[in-house]
Structure formats: C-alpha cells, structure tokens
Protein backbone atom coordinates (compact mmCIF):
# COMPACT_ATOMS: atom_id res chain seq x y z
CA MET A 1 -86.25 -17.15 -24.75
CA SER A 2 -87.06 -20.88 -24.87
CA GLU A 3 -86.28 -23.13 -21.91
CA SER A 4 -83.54 -24.96 -23.83
CA ALA A 5 -81.95 -21.69 -24.93
CA SER A 6 -82.14 -20.38 -21.36
CA ASN A 7 -80.49 -23.54 -20.01
CA GLY A 8 -77.79 -23.25 -22.67
CA GLN A 9 -77.07 -19.66 -21.67
CA GLN A 10 -76.81 -20.66 -18.01
CA GLU A 11 -74.37 -23.44 -18.87
CA ARG A 12 -72.20 -21.04 -20.85
CA ASP A 13 -72.28 -18.49 -18.01
CA ALA A 14 -71.29 -21.20 -15.52
CA GLU A 15 -68.06 -21.70 -17.45
CA LYS A 16 -67.13 -18.02 -17.21
CA PRO A 17 -65.54 -16.35 -14.21
CA ARG A 18 -68.03 -13.99 -12.61
CA VAL A 19 -67.52 -10.52 -11.17
CA THR A 20 -70.22 -8.72 -9.21
CA LEU A 21 -69.93 -4.91 -9.06
CA LEU A 22 -71.24 -3.25 -5.92
CA TYR A 23 -71.44 0.47 -6.61
CA HIS A 24 -74.21 2.93 -5.78
CA PHE A 25 -74.75 4.26 -9.32
CA PHE A 26 -74.47 2.75 -12.78
CA HIS A 27 -75.64 3.21 -16.37
CA PRO A 28 -77.68 5.21 -17.41
CA ASP A 29 -76.55 7.58 -14.64
CA ASP A 30 -74.00 10.00 -16.12
CA VAL A 31 -72.13 10.93 -12.93
CA VAL A 32 -68.43 10.39 -13.69
CA SER A 33 -67.79 7.50 -11.31
CA ALA A 34 -70.90 5.67 -12.53
CA THR A 35 -69.71 6.05 -16.11
CA LEU A 36 -66.30 4.61 -15.17
CA TYR A 37 -67.82 1.59 -13.43
CA SER A 38 -70.20 1.08 -16.34
CA GLU A 39 -67.35 1.14 -18.87
CA LEU A 40 -65.34 -1.27 -16.72
CA ALA A 41 -68.29 -3.67 -16.49
CA ALA A 42 -69.02 -3.59 -20.22
CA GLU A 43 -65.38 -4.12 -21.13
CA LEU A 44 -65.02 -7.07 -18.73
CA ALA A 45 -68.15 -8.62 -20.26
CA GLU A 46 -66.55 -8.30 -23.70
CA ARG A 47 -63.45 -10.03 -22.37
CA GLY A 48 -65.35 -13.13 -21.33
CA TRP A 49 -66.52 -12.35 -17.79
CA GLU A 50 -70.03 -12.90 -16.53
CA VAL A 51 -70.72 -9.45 -15.06
CA VAL A 52 -73.47 -8.58 -12.60
CA ALA A 53 -73.93 -4.98 -11.47
CA ARG A 54 -75.93 -4.25 -8.31
CA PRO A 55 -76.47 -0.46 -8.13
CA ALA A 56 -79.41 1.41 -6.59
CA ASN A 57 -82.64 1.91 -8.49
CA ARG A 58 -82.10 5.71 -8.15
CA ARG A 59 -80.00 8.28 -9.98
CA CYS A 60 -77.32 10.29 -8.21
CA HIS A 61 -78.58 13.85 -8.75
CA GLU A 62 -82.18 13.38 -9.90
CA GLN A 63 -84.99 12.50 -7.53
CA GLY A 64 -88.33 11.05 -8.52
CA GLU A 65 -87.30 8.46 -11.12
CA SER A 66 -87.09 4.77 -10.28
CA LEU A 67 -84.95 2.75 -12.67
CA PRO A 68 -85.91 -0.82 -13.73
CA ARG A 69 -84.92 -3.41 -11.14
CA ARG A 70 -83.63 -5.86 -13.78
CA GLU A 71 -82.23 -5.26 -17.25
CA ARG A 72 -79.32 -6.19 -19.50
CA TRP A 73 -76.95 -3.65 -21.01
CA ARG A 74 -73.90 -4.39 -23.20
CA GLY A 75 -73.66 -7.92 -21.85
CA VAL A 76 -73.97 -6.81 -18.19
CA ALA A 77 -76.79 -8.15 -16.02
CA ILE A 78 -78.06 -5.20 -13.93
CA ARG A 79 -79.83 -6.16 -10.70
CA ARG A 80 -80.77 -2.92 -8.97
CA ALA A 81 -81.29 -2.75 -5.21
CA TRP A 82 -84.38 -0.84 -4.14
CA ARG A 83 -83.91 2.12 -1.83
CA PRO A 84 -86.09 5.08 -0.85
CA ASP A 85 -85.95 8.26 -2.92
CA LEU A 86 -83.69 10.09 -0.43
CA GLN A 87 -81.62 13.13 -1.38
CA GLN A 88 -77.99 12.13 -1.88
CA GLY A 89 -76.84 15.73 -1.40
CA SER A 90 -77.81 15.92 2.30
CA ASN A 91 -75.80 14.31 5.10
CA ARG A 92 -78.90 12.59 6.47
CA GLY A 93 -79.89 11.29 3.05
CA ARG A 94 -76.37 10.08 2.33
CA LEU A 95 -76.17 8.14 5.60
CA LEU A 96 -79.59 6.55 5.14
CA ASN A 97 -78.74 5.64 1.54
CA THR A 98 -75.56 3.98 2.83
CA ALA A 99 -77.56 1.90 5.30
CA TRP A 100 -80.07 0.83 2.63
CA MET A 101 -77.40 -0.14 0.11
CA LEU A 102 -75.31 -2.09 2.61
CA ALA A 103 -78.43 -3.94 3.75
CA GLY A 104 -79.42 -4.71 0.16
CA TRP A 105 -75.96 -5.93 -0.75
CA SER A 106 -75.79 -8.11 2.39
CA TRP A 107 -79.11 -9.72 1.45
CA ALA A 108 -77.84 -10.33 -2.08
CA ALA A 109 -74.76 -12.04 -0.63
CA LEU A 110 -77.08 -14.43 1.17
CA VAL A 111 -79.51 -15.28 -1.64
CA ALA A 112 -77.72 -14.68 -4.98
CA ARG A 113 -76.75 -17.67 -7.11
CA ARG A 114 -73.37 -19.17 -6.19
CA HIS A 115 -70.56 -19.55 -8.69
CA ARG A 116 -67.32 -21.46 -8.43
CA HIS A 117 -65.27 -18.51 -9.74
CA ASP A 118 -66.74 -15.52 -7.93
CA VAL A 119 -65.23 -12.07 -7.43
CA VAL A 120 -67.00 -9.12 -5.86
CA LEU A 121 -65.69 -5.63 -6.70
CA VAL A 122 -66.74 -2.96 -4.18
CA GLY A 123 -66.47 0.81 -4.61
CA THR A 124 -66.64 3.76 -2.21
CA ASP A 125 -70.10 5.05 -3.02
CA PRO A 126 -72.02 4.93 -0.77
CA VAL A 127 -69.74 6.11 2.01
CA LEU A 128 -68.06 3.09 3.61
CA GLY A 129 -69.34 0.89 0.81
CA VAL A 130 -66.25 -1.27 1.32
CA LEU A 131 -68.02 -2.74 4.35
CA ALA A 132 -70.02 -4.85 1.88
CA ALA A 133 -66.87 -6.97 1.49
CA ILE A 134 -67.49 -8.34 4.99
CA PRO A 135 -70.84 -10.14 4.40
CA TRP A 136 -69.85 -11.19 0.87
CA THR A 137 -66.71 -12.97 2.06
CA ILE A 138 -68.28 -14.39 5.24
CA LEU A 139 -71.51 -15.65 3.68
CA ARG A 140 -69.83 -16.76 0.43
CA ARG A 141 -66.52 -18.20 1.55
CA ARG A 142 -65.21 -18.94 -1.93
CA THR A 143 -65.78 -15.36 -3.09
CA LYS A 144 -62.75 -13.14 -3.66
CA ALA A 145 -63.18 -9.47 -2.70
CA VAL A 146 -61.68 -6.43 -4.46
CA HIS A 147 -61.99 -2.78 -3.46
CA TRP A 148 -61.49 0.14 -5.87
CA CYS A 149 -61.01 3.13 -3.58
CA PHE A 150 -62.15 6.44 -5.12
CA ASP A 151 -62.68 8.40 -1.88
CA LEU A 152 -61.07 7.48 1.42
CA TYR A 153 -63.25 7.65 4.53
CA PRO A 154 -63.17 8.81 7.25
CA ASP A 155 -60.13 10.80 6.05
CA ALA A 156 -62.14 12.83 3.54
CA ALA A 157 -64.71 13.75 6.20
CA ILE A 158 -61.90 14.88 8.51
CA ALA A 159 -60.33 17.01 5.76
CA ASP A 160 -63.77 18.50 5.10
CA GLY A 161 -64.14 19.48 8.76
CA LEU A 162 -67.17 17.23 9.28
CA LEU A 163 -65.35 15.00 11.79
CA THR A 164 -62.36 15.34 14.09
CA SER A 165 -59.53 12.83 13.87
CA GLN A 166 -59.78 11.76 17.53
CA SER A 167 -63.56 11.46 17.73
CA ARG A 168 -65.25 8.24 18.76
CA VAL A 169 -67.05 8.07 15.40
CA VAL A 170 -63.75 8.22 13.52
CA ARG A 171 -62.20 5.49 15.67
CA TRP A 172 -65.27 3.31 15.03
CA MET A 173 -65.15 3.97 11.28
CA ARG A 174 -61.44 3.15 11.13
CA ARG A 175 -61.93 -0.17 12.93
CA LEU A 176 -64.75 -1.19 10.60
CA SER A 177 -62.77 -0.07 7.52
CA ALA A 178 -59.68 -1.98 8.65
CA TRP A 179 -61.80 -5.12 9.08
CA ALA A 180 -63.21 -4.71 5.57
CA TYR A 181 -59.74 -4.10 4.08
CA ARG A 182 -58.48 -7.31 5.67
CA ARG A 183 -61.32 -9.20 3.97
CA CYS A 184 -60.21 -7.93 0.54
CA ASP A 185 -57.91 -9.98 -1.65
CA PHE A 186 -56.61 -6.84 -3.27
CA ILE A 187 -57.26 -3.11 -3.10
CA ALA A 188 -56.81 -0.62 -5.91
CA ASP A 189 -55.99 2.98 -5.00
CA LEU A 190 -55.82 6.09 -7.19
CA GLY A 191 -52.19 6.89 -6.43
CA GLY A 192 -49.37 6.34 -3.97
CA CYS A 193 -50.59 9.07 -1.60
CA MET A 194 -53.90 7.23 -1.20
CA GLY A 195 -52.11 3.91 -0.84
CA ARG A 196 -50.09 5.27 2.09
CA ARG A 197 -53.25 6.39 3.86
CA LEU A 198 -54.83 2.98 3.31
CA GLN A 199 -51.81 1.29 4.87
CA ALA A 200 -51.99 3.66 7.84
CA ILE A 201 -55.52 2.37 8.50
CA GLU A 202 -54.66 -1.29 7.86
CA PRO A 203 -50.88 -2.06 7.81
CA THR A 204 -51.38 -5.42 6.06
CA CYS A 205 -52.95 -3.67 3.09
CA GLN A 206 -50.79 -3.76 -0.07
CA PRO A 207 -52.73 -1.66 -2.60
CA ILE A 208 -51.93 -1.31 -6.30
CA THR A 209 -52.70 1.80 -8.33
CA ILE A 210 -55.50 1.74 -10.91
CA THR A 211 -56.49 5.27 -11.84
CA PRO A 212 -59.71 6.60 -13.38
CA TRP A 213 -59.39 7.22 -17.10
CA ALA A 214 -60.60 10.13 -19.22
CA LEU A 215 -64.16 9.84 -20.49
CA VAL A 216 -62.98 11.18 -23.87
CA GLU A 217 -59.76 9.82 -25.39
CA PRO A 218 -58.90 11.70 -28.62
CA ALA A 219 -56.70 9.86 -31.10
CA ALA A 220 -54.46 12.96 -31.29
CA PRO A 221 -54.25 16.22 -29.32
CA PRO A 222 -57.20 18.32 -30.59
CA VAL A 223 -56.56 21.71 -32.15
CA PRO A 224 -58.27 24.51 -30.16
CA ASP A 225 -61.49 25.90 -31.62
CA PRO A 226 -60.48 29.52 -32.45
CA THR A 227 -63.85 31.04 -31.51
CA VAL A 228 -64.04 29.31 -28.12
CA ARG A 229 -60.40 30.12 -27.40
CA ARG A 230 -60.93 33.80 -28.19
CA ASP A 231 -63.98 33.90 -25.92
CA LEU A 232 -62.00 32.43 -23.03
CA PHE A 233 -58.55 33.96 -23.49
CA GLY A 234 -58.73 36.76 -26.06
CA ASP A 235 -55.45 36.94 -28.00
CA ALA A 236 -53.37 35.36 -25.21
CA LYS A 237 -50.07 33.69 -26.04
CA LEU A 238 -50.81 31.02 -23.43
CA GLY A 239 -54.21 30.12 -21.96
CA LEU A 240 -54.67 28.35 -18.60
CA LEU A 241 -58.12 26.95 -17.76
CA TYR A 242 -59.76 25.75 -14.56
CA SER A 243 -62.98 23.88 -15.33
CA GLY A 244 -65.26 22.02 -12.96
CA SER A 245 -66.00 21.84 -9.25
CA PHE A 246 -64.10 24.36 -7.13
CA GLY A 247 -65.10 23.56 -3.56
CA ARG A 248 -63.60 22.98 -0.14
CA ALA A 249 -61.24 20.25 -1.39
CA HIS A 250 -59.49 22.79 -3.63
CA THR A 251 -57.18 25.76 -3.28
CA TYR A 252 -56.88 28.96 -5.30
CA GLU A 253 -54.24 31.11 -3.58
CA GLU A 254 -51.34 29.68 -5.58
CA PHE A 255 -53.17 30.33 -8.87
CA LEU A 256 -53.87 33.92 -7.87
CA SER A 257 -50.21 34.48 -6.97
CA LEU A 258 -49.11 32.85 -10.23
CA ALA A 259 -51.46 34.99 -12.30
CA ARG A 260 -50.13 38.14 -10.62
CA ALA A 261 -46.56 37.07 -11.32
CA LEU A 262 -47.54 36.72 -15.00
CA ARG A 263 -49.28 40.07 -15.50
CA GLY A 264 -48.38 41.64 -18.83
CA SER A 265 -46.71 38.49 -20.17
CA GLY A 266 -49.49 37.36 -22.51
CA VAL A 267 -50.48 34.50 -20.20
CA GLU A 268 -54.21 34.49 -19.41
CA PHE A 269 -56.17 32.55 -16.77
CA CYS A 270 -59.83 31.54 -17.08
CA PHE A 271 -61.85 29.99 -14.24
CA ALA A 272 -65.02 28.15 -15.25
CA GLY A 273 -65.74 26.41 -11.97
CA ARG A 274 -68.36 26.74 -9.30
CA GLY A 275 -68.23 26.24 -5.57
CA ASN A 276 -67.19 28.18 -2.51
CA ARG A 277 -63.54 28.46 -3.63
CA ALA A 278 -64.67 30.01 -6.92
CA ASP A 279 -66.68 32.60 -4.97
CA GLN A 280 -63.68 33.34 -2.75
CA LEU A 281 -61.43 33.76 -5.78
CA ARG A 282 -63.85 36.21 -7.38
CA SER A 283 -63.79 38.27 -4.20
CA ALA A 284 -59.98 38.20 -4.05
CA VAL A 285 -59.40 39.31 -7.67
CA ALA A 286 -58.40 42.97 -7.85
CA VAL A 287 -59.04 45.55 -10.60
CA ASP A 288 -55.48 45.24 -11.89
CA ASP A 289 -55.68 41.43 -12.19
CA GLU A 290 -56.39 41.89 -15.87
CA ASN A 291 -55.17 38.44 -16.91
CA ILE A 292 -57.84 36.63 -14.87
CA ARG A 293 -61.21 35.89 -16.45
CA PHE A 294 -64.31 33.96 -15.42
CA ALA A 295 -66.73 31.89 -17.51
CA GLY A 296 -69.93 30.04 -16.74
CA PHE A 297 -70.41 26.30 -17.13
CA ALA A 298 -70.42 25.14 -20.74
CA PRO A 299 -73.36 23.12 -22.11
CA GLN A 300 -72.56 19.43 -22.36
CA ASP A 301 -72.38 19.54 -26.16
CA GLN A 302 -69.81 22.36 -25.96
CA LEU A 303 -67.70 20.97 -23.13
CA GLU A 304 -65.10 19.20 -25.25
CA LYS A 305 -64.44 22.36 -27.28
CA ARG A 306 -63.96 24.34 -24.09
CA LEU A 307 -61.63 21.81 -22.47
CA THR A 308 -59.41 21.76 -25.57
CA ALA A 309 -59.42 25.54 -26.13
CA CYS A 310 -56.69 26.04 -23.53
CA ASP A 311 -52.97 25.28 -23.57
CA LEU A 312 -52.72 24.09 -19.96
CA HIS A 313 -55.21 22.89 -17.37
CA LEU A 314 -55.27 24.12 -13.78
CA VAL A 315 -55.78 21.35 -11.22
CA SER A 316 -55.82 21.82 -7.46
CA LEU A 317 -56.21 19.87 -4.24
CA HIS A 318 -55.86 21.34 -0.77
CA PRO A 319 -52.88 19.71 1.00
CA ASP A 320 -55.16 18.47 3.82
CA TRP A 321 -57.02 16.37 1.24
CA THR A 322 -53.91 14.67 -0.15
CA GLY A 323 -54.55 10.94 -0.51
CA THR A 324 -58.27 11.15 0.29
CA VAL A 325 -59.19 11.83 -3.36
CA VAL A 326 -57.28 12.29 -6.61
CA PRO A 327 -58.69 14.91 -9.05
CA SER A 328 -59.82 13.11 -12.20
CA LYS A 329 -59.40 16.22 -14.37
CA PHE A 330 -55.65 15.48 -14.39
CA PHE A 331 -56.27 12.43 -16.60
CA GLY A 332 -58.67 14.29 -18.88
CA ALA A 333 -56.06 16.99 -19.43
CA LEU A 334 -53.37 14.51 -20.44
CA ALA A 335 -55.77 12.63 -22.73
CA ALA A 336 -56.38 15.89 -24.60
CA GLY A 337 -52.65 16.54 -24.85
CA ARG A 338 -52.71 19.40 -22.36
CA GLY A 339 -50.14 19.94 -19.66
CA VAL A 340 -51.12 20.54 -16.05
CA VAL A 341 -50.35 23.27 -13.54
CA PHE A 342 -51.09 21.65 -10.20
CA ALA A 343 -51.59 23.49 -6.92
CA GLY A 344 -51.26 21.03 -4.06
CA SER A 345 -48.91 18.99 -1.94
CA GLU A 346 -45.52 17.90 -3.27
CA ASP A 347 -46.33 14.51 -1.72
CA SER A 348 -49.43 13.95 -3.85
CA ALA A 349 -49.59 11.38 -6.64
CA ILE A 350 -50.30 14.11 -9.20
CA ALA A 351 -47.16 16.00 -8.21
CA GLN A 352 -45.17 12.77 -8.51
CA TRP A 353 -46.56 12.00 -11.98
CA ILE A 354 -45.87 15.54 -13.16
CA ARG A 355 -42.25 15.17 -12.11
CA ASP A 356 -41.85 11.62 -13.43
CA TYR A 357 -43.40 12.22 -16.85
CA GLN A 358 -42.61 15.95 -17.29
CA VAL A 359 -46.22 16.86 -18.09
CA GLY A 360 -46.55 20.12 -16.19
CA TRP A 361 -45.69 22.13 -13.11
CA VAL A 362 -46.34 21.94 -9.38
CA VAL A 363 -47.03 25.40 -8.00
CA THR A 364 -46.64 26.00 -4.26
CA PRO A 365 -46.05 29.26 -2.35
CA SER A 366 -42.31 28.67 -2.71
CA THR A 367 -42.32 27.83 -6.45
CA VAL A 368 -44.60 30.58 -7.83
CA GLU A 369 -41.78 32.70 -9.29
CA GLU A 370 -39.97 29.70 -10.77
CA VAL A 371 -43.14 28.37 -12.44
CA ALA A 372 -44.00 31.88 -13.72
CA GLU A 373 -40.62 32.18 -15.44
CA GLU A 374 -41.00 28.79 -17.12
CA LEU A 375 -44.50 29.64 -18.33
CA LYS A 376 -43.20 32.89 -19.81
CA GLN A 377 -40.63 30.88 -21.74
CA LEU A 378 -43.31 28.46 -22.92
CA ALA A 379 -45.52 31.32 -24.10
CA ALA A 380 -42.63 32.56 -26.23
CA ALA A 381 -41.85 29.14 -27.73
CA PRO A 382 -44.74 27.59 -29.73
CA GLU A 383 -42.56 24.61 -30.64
CA GLY A 384 -42.13 23.82 -26.94
CA LEU A 385 -45.90 23.86 -26.46
CA ALA A 386 -46.41 21.50 -29.41
CA GLU A 387 -43.84 19.11 -27.95
CA LEU A 388 -45.58 19.23 -24.55
CA ARG A 389 -48.92 18.37 -26.14
CA GLN A 390 -47.51 15.31 -27.86
CA ARG A 391 -45.74 14.17 -24.69
CA CYS A 392 -48.86 14.52 -22.52
CA HIS A 393 -50.95 12.59 -25.04
CA ALA A 394 -48.35 9.82 -25.29
CA VAL A 395 -47.95 9.58 -21.49
CA TYR A 396 -51.70 9.26 -21.05
CA HIS A 397 -52.02 6.39 -23.52
CA ALA A 398 -48.97 4.61 -22.14
CA HIS A 399 -49.87 4.85 -18.45
CA PHE A 400 -53.43 6.05 -17.74
CA SER A 401 -55.73 5.11 -20.64
CA ARG A 402 -58.92 3.12 -20.30
CA LYS A 403 -57.31 0.15 -22.03
CA ALA A 404 -54.23 0.25 -19.77
CA MET A 405 -56.32 0.41 -16.59
CA ILE A 406 -58.86 -2.25 -17.61
CA ASP A 407 -55.99 -4.51 -18.75
CA ARG A 408 -54.60 -4.19 -15.23
CA PHE A 409 -57.97 -4.93 -13.65
CA ASP A 410 -58.60 -7.91 -15.93
CA ALA A 411 -55.19 -9.41 -15.17
CA LYS A 412 -55.54 -9.01 -11.39
CA LEU A 413 -59.06 -10.43 -11.35
CA ARG A 414 -57.99 -13.46 -13.37
CA GLU A 415 -55.13 -14.03 -10.95
CA LEU A 416 -57.68 -14.21 -8.15
CA VAL A 417 -60.04 -16.68 -9.82
CA ASP A 418 -57.09 -18.88 -10.84
CA SER A 419 -55.54 -18.92 -7.37
C-alpha cells in the first residue's frame, strides 16, 4: 500500500468508533466461544466500527502451532499476543496462560494507539479475563469498558469443587472481580440467573442480557434425515437427543427417571455425549431400559443432520452451577425448531425462557410424571409437534438470533461512544 493510501486509510479509521476485543481465542480457532467473538467482530466491522482483536497466538485445543501475530480478516485487524505453548486443559497451564494474557493486554493498554472513541470489550477466557478492564480504563482514561460474561468465576470453580466458598483465594478473587466490574461501563450476562450472581459480587452492577447465538441458523425448521433418525431412534414416535459435553456441570438422573416413566410409549432417548456424567449414565442404565440408546460423536460434516434428526433436545445443568454458565445448546435447539427438555433449577434462565415462550419442559424430581404425560400426548399428536417446531424457530429469531444479539451490542456500544 502506498504512503498516501495508508494515510487515507488511517484518516478514515480515525473517524470511526473503535472497539478492541480482548478474548483468548479468535478466528481461525473453531472453539464455540471463539467463533462467536469472531462473528461479533466481523459484523461490527461491517457496521462501521474499527475493530481490533487481541487474542493469543495459540489455538485452544491444539498445541504446537503459532498463529501469525498480525493479520486482517473480514475487516478486523488481528493483533495476537504472544504466549508460551502451554496446555490449556491443565490447571497449571490455564493459570499461566491467564497471567501471560493479562500481562500482554496490560502492555497493549499502555502502548496501543489512542482513539477518541475507544471501547474495550473483555470476555471471560482466560479465567478472570475481566481484570483486563482495570489497566485499560486506568491507563486510557477515555476508554469505555464492556464485559461479556460467558463463565462466572470464582463461582464456576466453587461449583466444580475446585475451591471452597469461604477460602482466602475465593475472597481475593471476588475482591478483584468486583473492582473490575466497577470499572466497566456495562456488563452483558447470559441470563437473569447469571445477572443475579454478578450483582451479588458487585451490588452496583446492572447487567443486561446478551446471549450466545446458534452457529447455524436455518431459514426454516429442517426436516429430519430419515436414515440418521432411524439410526438414532429406530421407529420411535418421538425422539429425544442429548448431544455434546456431559461432564460435572450436568445432571442425568432426571432424564433417566423420565425415560423410565416413558417405557413402552414410543418415546426414545439417545445420548451422544461424552464426559463423566455420560459414563455414570451408562452404568446406571438397566437391561429393561429399552428406550435408552447411546451413540458416538458425529463427524463435523454429519453434525447438523444428527442435531436435526430428533424431535426434542435434552439440555441439563446441575443446580449448583445455575448462573455460572448457560448451556449454549439451548439456542441451537431453538434455531433448528426443536423444543427443549431441560433438567436443572427452576430458577435458571433456561427454565424461565421455556416457561415464557412455551418452547419445552423443565424436568425436576417432582415434575417427572407430569412431563412424561405431556410427552406421551405429544408423541400421539404430530400436528402438535409441527406447531412446536414453528414456535421454537420463531422464538429464536425474535429473541436470540445472531442479528438480534449483535443489534443489541451495536446499540449499547454506540451509546457509550456518544455519551
């Protein structure tokens, strides 16, 4: 690019509001959260923002590769922070990666080019990434700070049994988090249950809800592939699918009780997840649990067919984890026009949305029989299932779609730069 062209580009960029994204992973990493941040960045660039992303130069799950430190993608300037090739899956590696990223982001706050309309958007990967809001708002006093909270710490670590709620480490983490939250001009949560936890840490916090969207948004509810459906559910009248991670944050007991209440009704369950809860469920299934099946992970090119082969999706979250995370598979189910059977707390955001929009059922130990009876009725009424599919699809596009969420982000960010 010639010097005059370069100067012209800089002048045009100076007229745009600028948002800097601080998140551990970004395009071309295909981990779900990285994809969401990448789509948000690209869409904001299309809407007239100057967008700078500052991820790590490493991928989330693959060691060995070092990504280019500087590149441009879909109008987004990517400025990767160097960090060692440490394993993200280990506690030691995760903590060291956090330290490296926070140090790199603090340095960037000190040396990066200033802008008169600056916003920094901070995520929650690495753990306690929100702390980056502190140096960015102290060293760059005109910068507005935004936090999009995907995972709430230290609450998630407490729910996972890694920390105890009264430990000195937890008290220290809460004080630092509260300081960072106070430095933010607004915070986006993933649902009211998370918002309440945020306010418990910092009472002045007034979060708004901006949820993750589905990575695939069909224009209409897809028709199940007959071969894939038969492989998963045989000739079932109604097929319920659990797909994805099935670890300590999840629960299976309610699903097992529900399946047993539906024996002989033509309602089949298929579990295609992996994790310690999946192993426990396999051990708990008895010989006469004939309506419970298991499947391996589908190849990426077959995943969409599998996820749309069912009639309803199973989603779970252990009550202790309520508000620390919100399962993203809920949004993918609605986007595909599939209702949800949710096992978790009645106080969770997913339970509230299910009730508000009539897109599924909340199954608890006390509601198993009631939900079983309603599912039997649904299995016997194809017209009711077709109506549910259309309602779920419409609810998703009205309230949870990528466009709806990025519209909300764009509006809030512009409020900040105009204030």
